[in-house]
């Protein structure tokens, strides 16, 4: 994360904010999402094929339907 982005987002979390974030039931999902978002910005990173993306989409749709 850039220093400018961190500043726009309010700066680093204080101890209370860190504790609240760590205690949130979806903390692992939030951290995973952030890591995936950061990794997606790497122009040399892996790229899924269209069939792989469509299969992932179908799994998400099926999971929502059940």
PDB file of N, CA and C in Angstrom:
ATOM      1  N   UNK A   1       0.858  -1.170   0.000  1.00  0.00           N
ATOM      2  CA  UNK A   1       0.000   0.000   0.000  1.00  0.00           C
ATOM      3  C   UNK A   1       0.902   1.230   0.000  1.00  0.00           C
ATOM      4  N   UNK A   2       0.521   2.213  -0.763  1.00  0.00           N
ATOM      5  CA  UNK A   2       1.324   3.426  -0.812  1.00  0.00           C
ATOM      6  C   UNK A   2       1.049   4.306   0.401  1.00  0.00           C
ATOM      7  N   UNK A   3       1.990   5.167   0.694  1.00  0.00           N
ATOM      8  CA  UNK A   3       1.832   6.105   1.807  1.00  0.00           C
ATOM      9  C   UNK A   3       0.644   7.026   1.546  1.00  0.00           C
ATOM     10  N   UNK A   4       0.467   7.438   0.289  1.00  0.00           N
ATOM     11  CA  UNK A   4      -0.654   8.324  -0.051  1.00  0.00           C
ATOM     12  C   UNK A   4      -1.990   7.624   0.187  1.00  0.00           C
ATOM     13  N   UNK A   5      -2.097   6.361  -0.213  1.00  0.00           N
ATOM     14  CA  UNK A   5      -3.342   5.610   0.006  1.00  0.00           C
ATOM     15  C   UNK A   5      -3.636   5.471   1.488  1.00  0.00           C
ATOM     16  N   UNK A   6      -2.610   5.180   2.261  1.00  0.00           N
ATOM     17  CA  UNK A   6      -2.785   5.027   3.705  1.00  0.00           C
ATOM     18  C   UNK A   6      -3.282   6.331   4.320  1.00  0.00           C
ATOM     19  N   UNK A   7      -2.735   7.452   3.868  1.00  0.00           N
ATOM     20  CA  UNK A   7      -3.161   8.747   4.398  1.00  0.00           C
ATOM     21  C   UNK A   7      -4.627   9.020   4.062  1.00  0.00           C
ATOM     22  N   UNK A   8      -5.024   8.737   2.823  1.00  0.00           N
ATOM     23  CA  UNK A   8      -6.413   8.949   2.402  1.00  0.00           C
ATOM     24  C   UNK A   8      -7.365   8.090   3.233  1.00  0.00           C
ATOM     25  N   UNK A   9      -6.907   6.904   3.625  1.00  0.00           N
ATOM     26  CA  UNK A   9      -7.737   5.978   4.394  1.00  0.00           C
ATOM     27  C   UNK A   9      -7.726   6.277   5.889  1.00  0.00           C
ATOM     28  N   UNK A  10      -7.066   7.348   6.279  1.00  0.00           N
ATOM     29  CA  UNK A  10      -7.086   7.746   7.687  1.00  0.00           C
ATOM     30  C   UNK A  10      -5.839   7.394   8.467  1.00  0.00           C
ATOM     31  N   UNK A  11      -4.825   6.886   7.798  1.00  0.00           N
ATOM     32  CA  UNK A  11      -3.577   6.545   8.471  1.00  0.00           C
ATOM     33  C   UNK A  11      -3.638   5.174   9.121  1.00  0.00           C
ATOM     34  N   UNK A  12      -2.539   4.803   9.773  1.00  0.00           N
ATOM     35  CA  UNK A  12      -2.495   3.486  10.424  1.00  0.00           C
ATOM     36  C   UNK A  12      -3.539   3.378  11.531  1.00  0.00           C
ATOM     37  N   UNK A  13      -3.981   2.161  11.781  1.00  0.00           N
ATOM     38  CA  UNK A  13      -4.942   1.934  12.865  1.00  0.00           C
ATOM     39  C   UNK A  13      -4.247   2.112  14.212  1.00  0.00           C
ATOM     40  N   UNK A  14      -4.988   2.641  15.179  1.00  0.00           N
ATOM     41  CA  UNK A  14      -4.448   2.706  16.535  1.00  0.00           C
ATOM     42  C   UNK A  14      -4.711   1.360  17.221  1.00  0.00           C
ATOM     43  N   UNK A  15      -4.248   1.210  18.459  1.00  0.00           N
ATOM     44  CA  UNK A  15      -4.367  -0.074  19.162  1.00  0.00           C
ATOM     45  C   UNK A  15      -5.820  -0.518  19.308  1.00  0.00           C
ATOM     46  N   UNK A  16      -6.714   0.414  19.586  1.00  0.00           N
ATOM     47  CA  UNK A  16      -8.130   0.070  19.728  1.00  0.00           C
ATOM     48  C   UNK A  16      -8.697  -0.432  18.410  1.00  0.00           C
ATOM     49  N   UNK A  17      -8.375   0.256  17.321  1.00  0.00           N
ATOM     50  CA  UNK A  17      -8.871  -0.152  16.006  1.00  0.00           C
ATOM     51  C   UNK A  17      -8.329  -1.523  15.606  1.00  0.00           C
ATOM     52  N   UNK A  18      -7.060  -1.763  15.911  1.00  0.00           N
ATOM     53  CA  UNK A  18      -6.456  -3.067  15.616  1.00  0.00           C
ATOM     54  C   UNK A  18      -7.185  -4.166  16.379  1.00  0.00           C
ATOM     55  N   UNK A  19      -7.454  -3.932  17.661  1.00  0.00           N
ATOM     56  CA  UNK A  19      -8.144  -4.929  18.484  1.00  0.00           C
ATOM     57  C   UNK A  19      -9.554  -5.188  17.959  1.00  0.00           C
ATOM     58  N   UNK A  20     -10.266  -4.130  17.583  1.00  0.00           N
ATOM     59  CA  UNK A  20     -11.620  -4.292  17.049  1.00  0.00           C
ATOM     60  C   UNK A  20     -11.601  -5.068  15.734  1.00  0.00           C
ATOM     61  N   UNK A  21     -10.648  -4.734  14.880  1.00  0.00           N
ATOM     62  CA  UNK A  21     -10.532  -5.429  13.600  1.00  0.00           C
ATOM     63  C   UNK A  21     -10.200  -6.901  13.822  1.00  0.00           C
ATOM     64  N   UNK A  22      -9.246  -7.170  14.691  1.00  0.00           N
ATOM     65  CA  UNK A  22      -8.833  -8.551  14.959  1.00  0.00           C
ATOM     66  C   UNK A  22      -9.968  -9.385  15.543  1.00  0.00           C
ATOM     67  N   UNK A  23     -10.874  -8.746  16.264  1.00  0.00           N
ATOM     68  CA  UNK A  23     -11.982  -9.463  16.901  1.00  0.00           C
ATOM     69  C   UNK A  23     -13.175  -9.665  15.967  1.00  0.00           C
ATOM     70  N   UNK A  24     -13.164  -9.032  14.813  1.00  0.00           N
ATOM     71  CA  UNK A  24     -14.308  -9.139  13.902  1.00  0.00           C
ATOM     72  C   UNK A  24     -14.407 -10.567  13.368  1.00  0.00           C
ATOM     73  N   UNK A  25     -15.624 -11.111  13.303  1.00  0.00           N
ATOM     74  CA  UNK A  25     -15.771 -12.502  12.860  1.00  0.00           C
ATOM     75  C   UNK A  25     -15.329 -12.760  11.412  1.00  0.00           C
ATOM     76  N   UNK A  26     -15.255 -11.727  10.599  1.00  0.00           N
ATOM     77  CA  UNK A  26     -14.852 -11.910   9.202  1.00  0.00           C
ATOM     78  C   UNK A  26     -13.439 -11.398   8.924  1.00  0.00           C
ATOM     79  N   UNK A  27     -12.621 -11.289   9.969  1.00  0.00           N
ATOM     80  CA  UNK A  27     -11.278 -10.736   9.798  1.00  0.00           C
ATOM     81  C   UNK A  27     -10.454 -11.542   8.794  1.00  0.00           C
ATOM     82  N   UNK A  28     -10.518 -12.856   8.844  1.00  0.00           N
ATOM     83  CA  UNK A  28      -9.724 -13.674   7.917  1.00  0.00           C
ATOM     84  C   UNK A  28     -10.153 -13.424   6.472  1.00  0.00           C
ATOM     85  N   UNK A  29     -11.460 -13.297   6.253  1.00  0.00           N
ATOM     86  CA  UNK A  29     -11.953 -13.013   4.904  1.00  0.00           C
ATOM     87  C   UNK A  29     -11.511 -11.631   4.438  1.00  0.00           C
ATOM     88  N   UNK A  30     -11.542 -10.652   5.330  1.00  0.00           N
ATOM     89  CA  UNK A  30     -11.138  -9.288   4.977  1.00  0.00           C
ATOM     90  C   UNK A  30      -9.661  -9.240   4.594  1.00  0.00           C
ATOM     91  N   UNK A  31      -8.836  -9.930   5.359  1.00  0.00           N
ATOM     92  CA  UNK A  31      -7.396  -9.954   5.072  1.00  0.00           C
ATOM     93  C   UNK A  31      -7.137 -10.685   3.754  1.00  0.00           C
ATOM     94  N   UNK A  32      -7.820 -11.802   3.535  1.00  0.00           N
ATOM     95  CA  UNK A  32      -7.650 -12.539   2.280  1.00  0.00           C
ATOM     96  C   UNK A  32      -8.056 -11.679   1.088  1.00  0.00           C
ATOM     97  N   UNK A  33      -9.185 -10.986   1.211  1.00  0.00           N
ATOM     98  CA  UNK A  33      -9.650 -10.118   0.130  1.00  0.00           C
ATOM     99  C   UNK A  33      -8.623  -9.038  -0.174  1.00  0.00           C
ATOM    100  N   UNK A  34      -8.061  -8.438   0.863  1.00  0.00           N
ATOM    101  CA  UNK A  34      -7.056  -7.386   0.662  1.00  0.00           C
ATOM    102  C   UNK A  34      -5.818  -7.939  -0.035  1.00  0.00           C
ATOM    103  N   UNK A  35      -5.398  -9.136   0.376  1.00  0.00           N
ATOM    104  CA  UNK A  35      -4.217  -9.743  -0.263  1.00  0.00           C
ATOM    105  C   UNK A  35      -4.496 -10.062  -1.726  1.00  0.00           C
ATOM    106  N   UNK A  36      -5.698 -10.575  -2.014  1.00  0.00           N
ATOM    107  CA  UNK A  36      -6.051 -10.862  -3.406  1.00  0.00           C
ATOM    108  C   UNK A  36      -6.090  -9.575  -4.218  1.00  0.00           C
ATOM    109  N   UNK A  37      -6.634  -8.514  -3.636  1.00  0.00           N
ATOM    110  CA  UNK A  37      -6.707  -7.230  -4.326  1.00  0.00           C
ATOM    111  C   UNK A  37      -5.306  -6.707  -4.635  1.00  0.00           C
ATOM    112  N   UNK A  38      -4.417  -6.790  -3.650  1.00  0.00           N
ATOM    113  CA  UNK A  38      -3.041  -6.345  -3.877  1.00  0.00           C
ATOM    114  C   UNK A  38      -2.358  -7.199  -4.944  1.00  0.00           C
ATOM    115  N   UNK A  39      -2.545  -8.516  -4.889  1.00  0.00           N
ATOM    116  CA  UNK A  39      -1.922  -9.413  -5.860  1.00  0.00           C
ATOM    117  C   UNK A  39      -2.452  -9.165  -7.268  1.00  0.00           C
ATOM    118  N   UNK A  40      -3.706  -8.772  -7.376  1.00  0.00           N
ATOM    119  CA  UNK A  40      -4.310  -8.533  -8.689  1.00  0.00           C
ATOM    120  C   UNK A  40      -3.694  -7.330  -9.395  1.00  0.00           C
ATOM    121  N   UNK A  41      -3.004  -6.488  -8.658  1.00  0.00           N
ATOM    122  CA  UNK A  41      -2.384  -5.297  -9.247  1.00  0.00           C
ATOM    123  C   UNK A  41      -1.013  -5.595  -9.841  1.00  0.00           C
ATOM    124  N   UNK A  42      -0.515  -6.820  -9.644  1.00  0.00           N
ATOM    125  CA  UNK A  42       0.801  -7.208 -10.156  1.00  0.00           C
ATOM    126  C   UNK A  42       0.672  -7.564 -11.638  1.00  0.00           C
ATOM    127  N   UNK A  43       1.248  -6.744 -12.532  1.00  0.00           N
ATOM    128  CA  UNK A  43       1.102  -7.024 -13.961  1.00  0.00           C
ATOM    129  C   UNK A  43       1.759  -8.334 -14.392  1.00  0.00           C
ATOM    130  N   UNK A  44       2.663  -8.863 -13.571  1.00  0.00           N
ATOM    131  CA  UNK A  44       3.318 -10.131 -13.897  1.00  0.00           C
ATOM    132  C   UNK A  44       2.682 -11.307 -13.154  1.00  0.00           C
ATOM    133  N   UNK A  45       1.597 -11.035 -12.445  1.00  0.00           N
ATOM    134  CA  UNK A  45       0.930 -12.077 -11.679  1.00  0.00           C
ATOM    135  C   UNK A  45       0.171 -13.046 -12.569  1.00  0.00           C
ATOM    136  N   UNK A  46      -0.294 -14.138 -11.967  1.00  0.00           N
ATOM    137  CA  UNK A  46      -1.026 -15.137 -12.746  1.00  0.00           C
ATOM    138  C   UNK A  46      -2.363 -14.593 -13.253  1.00  0.00           C
ATOM    139  N   UNK A  47      -2.747 -15.081 -14.400  1.00  0.00           N
ATOM    140  CA  UNK A  47      -4.009 -14.664 -15.009  1.00  0.00           C
ATOM    141  C   UNK A  47      -4.841 -15.916 -15.266  1.00  0.00           C
ATOM    142  N   UNK A  48      -6.086 -15.904 -14.803  1.00  0.00           N
ATOM    143  CA  UNK A  48      -6.972 -17.033 -15.062  1.00  0.00           C
ATOM    144  C   UNK A  48      -7.500 -16.964 -16.490  1.00  0.00           C
ATOM    145  N   UNK A  49      -7.677 -18.128 -17.074  1.00  0.00           N
ATOM    146  CA  UNK A  49      -8.271 -18.185 -18.411  1.00  0.00           C
ATOM    147  C   UNK A  49      -9.766 -17.892 -18.304  1.00  0.00           C
ATOM    148  N   UNK A  50     -10.376 -17.561 -19.419  1.00  0.00           N
ATOM    149  CA  UNK A  50     -11.812 -17.300 -19.423  1.00  0.00           C
ATOM    150  C   UNK A  50     -12.598 -18.521 -18.944  1.00  0.00           C
ATOM    151  N   UNK A  51     -12.274 -19.738 -19.396  1.00  0.00           N
ATOM    152  CA  UNK A  51     -13.005 -20.902 -18.869  1.00  0.00           C
ATOM    153  C   UNK A  51     -12.875 -21.050 -17.347  1.00  0.00           C
ATOM    154  N   UNK A  52     -11.690 -20.758 -16.803  1.00  0.00           N
ATOM    155  CA  UNK A  52     -11.517 -20.830 -15.347  1.00  0.00           C
ATOM    156  C   UNK A  52     -12.367 -19.779 -14.643  1.00  0.00           C
ATOM    157  N   UNK A  53     -12.409 -18.572 -15.190  1.00  0.00           N
ATOM    158  CA  UNK A  53     -13.230 -17.517 -14.601  1.00  0.00           C
ATOM    159  C   UNK A  53     -14.715 -17.864 -14.665  1.00  0.00           C
ATOM    160  N   UNK A  54     -15.144 -18.413 -15.784  1.00  0.00           N
ATOM    161  CA  UNK A  54     -16.550 -18.798 -15.915  1.00  0.00           C
ATOM    162  C   UNK A  54     -16.908 -19.926 -14.951  1.00  0.00           C
ATOM    163  N   UNK A  55     -15.984 -20.865 -14.745  1.00  0.00           N
ATOM    164  CA  UNK A  55     -16.224 -21.952 -13.797  1.00  0.00           C
ATOM    165  C   UNK A  55     -16.326 -21.403 -12.376  1.00  0.00           C
ATOM    166  N   UNK A  56     -15.459 -20.456 -12.034  1.00  0.00           N
ATOM    167  CA  UNK A  56     -15.515 -19.842 -10.703  1.00  0.00           C
ATOM    168  C   UNK A  56     -16.837 -19.096 -10.525  1.00  0.00           C
ATOM    169  N   UNK A  57     -17.257 -18.404 -11.550  1.00  0.00           N
ATOM    170  CA  UNK A  57     -18.534 -17.690 -11.507  1.00  0.00           C
ATOM    171  C   UNK A  57     -19.685 -18.666 -11.295  1.00  0.00           C
ATOM    172  N   UNK A  58     -19.674 -19.764 -12.018  1.00  0.00           N
ATOM    173  CA  UNK A  58     -20.739 -20.764 -11.885  1.00  0.00           C
ATOM    174  C   UNK A  58     -20.781 -21.332 -10.468  1.00  0.00           C
ATOM    175  N   UNK A  59     -19.604 -21.558  -9.871  1.00  0.00           N
ATOM    176  CA  UNK A  59     -19.568 -22.062  -8.487  1.00  0.00           C
ATOM    177  C   UNK A  59     -20.156 -21.041  -7.524  1.00  0.00           C
ATOM    178  N   UNK A  60     -19.860 -19.777  -7.725  1.00  0.00           N
ATOM    179  CA  UNK A  60     -20.412 -18.730  -6.850  1.00  0.00           C
ATOM    180  C   UNK A  60     -21.925 -18.643  -6.990  1.00  0.00           C
ATOM    181  N   UNK A  61     -22.412 -18.695  -8.214  1.00  0.00           N
ATOM    182  CA  UNK A  61     -23.856 -18.638  -8.450  1.00  0.00           C
ATOM    183  C   UNK A  61     -24.534 -19.843  -7.814  1.00  0.00           C
ATOM    184  N   UNK A  62     -23.946 -21.022  -7.976  1.00  0.00           N
ATOM    185  CA  UNK A  62     -24.527 -22.235  -7.397  1.00  0.00           C
ATOM    186  C   UNK A  62     -24.543 -22.159  -5.875  1.00  0.00           C
ATOM    187  N   UNK A  63     -23.490 -21.618  -5.292  1.00  0.00           N
ATOM    188  CA  UNK A  63     -23.422 -21.498  -3.831  1.00  0.00           C
ATOM    189  C   UNK A  63     -24.490 -20.539  -3.320  1.00  0.00           C
ATOM    190  N   UNK A  64     -24.756 -19.475  -4.057  1.00  0.00           N
ATOM    191  CA  UNK A  64     -25.781 -18.514  -3.655  1.00  0.00           C
ATOM    192  C   UNK A  64     -27.178 -19.113  -3.765  1.00  0.00           C
ATOM    193  N   UNK A  65     -27.358 -20.029  -4.705  1.00  0.00           N
ATOM    194  CA  UNK A  65     -28.672 -20.631  -4.932  1.00  0.00           C
ATOM    195  C   UNK A  65     -29.018 -21.681  -3.882  1.00  0.00           C
ATOM    196  N   UNK A  66     -28.007 -22.206  -3.207  1.00  0.00           N
ATOM    197  CA  UNK A  66     -28.289 -23.274  -2.226  1.00  0.00           C
ATOM    198  C   UNK A  66     -28.410 -22.756  -0.816  1.00  0.00           C
TER     199      UNK A  66
END
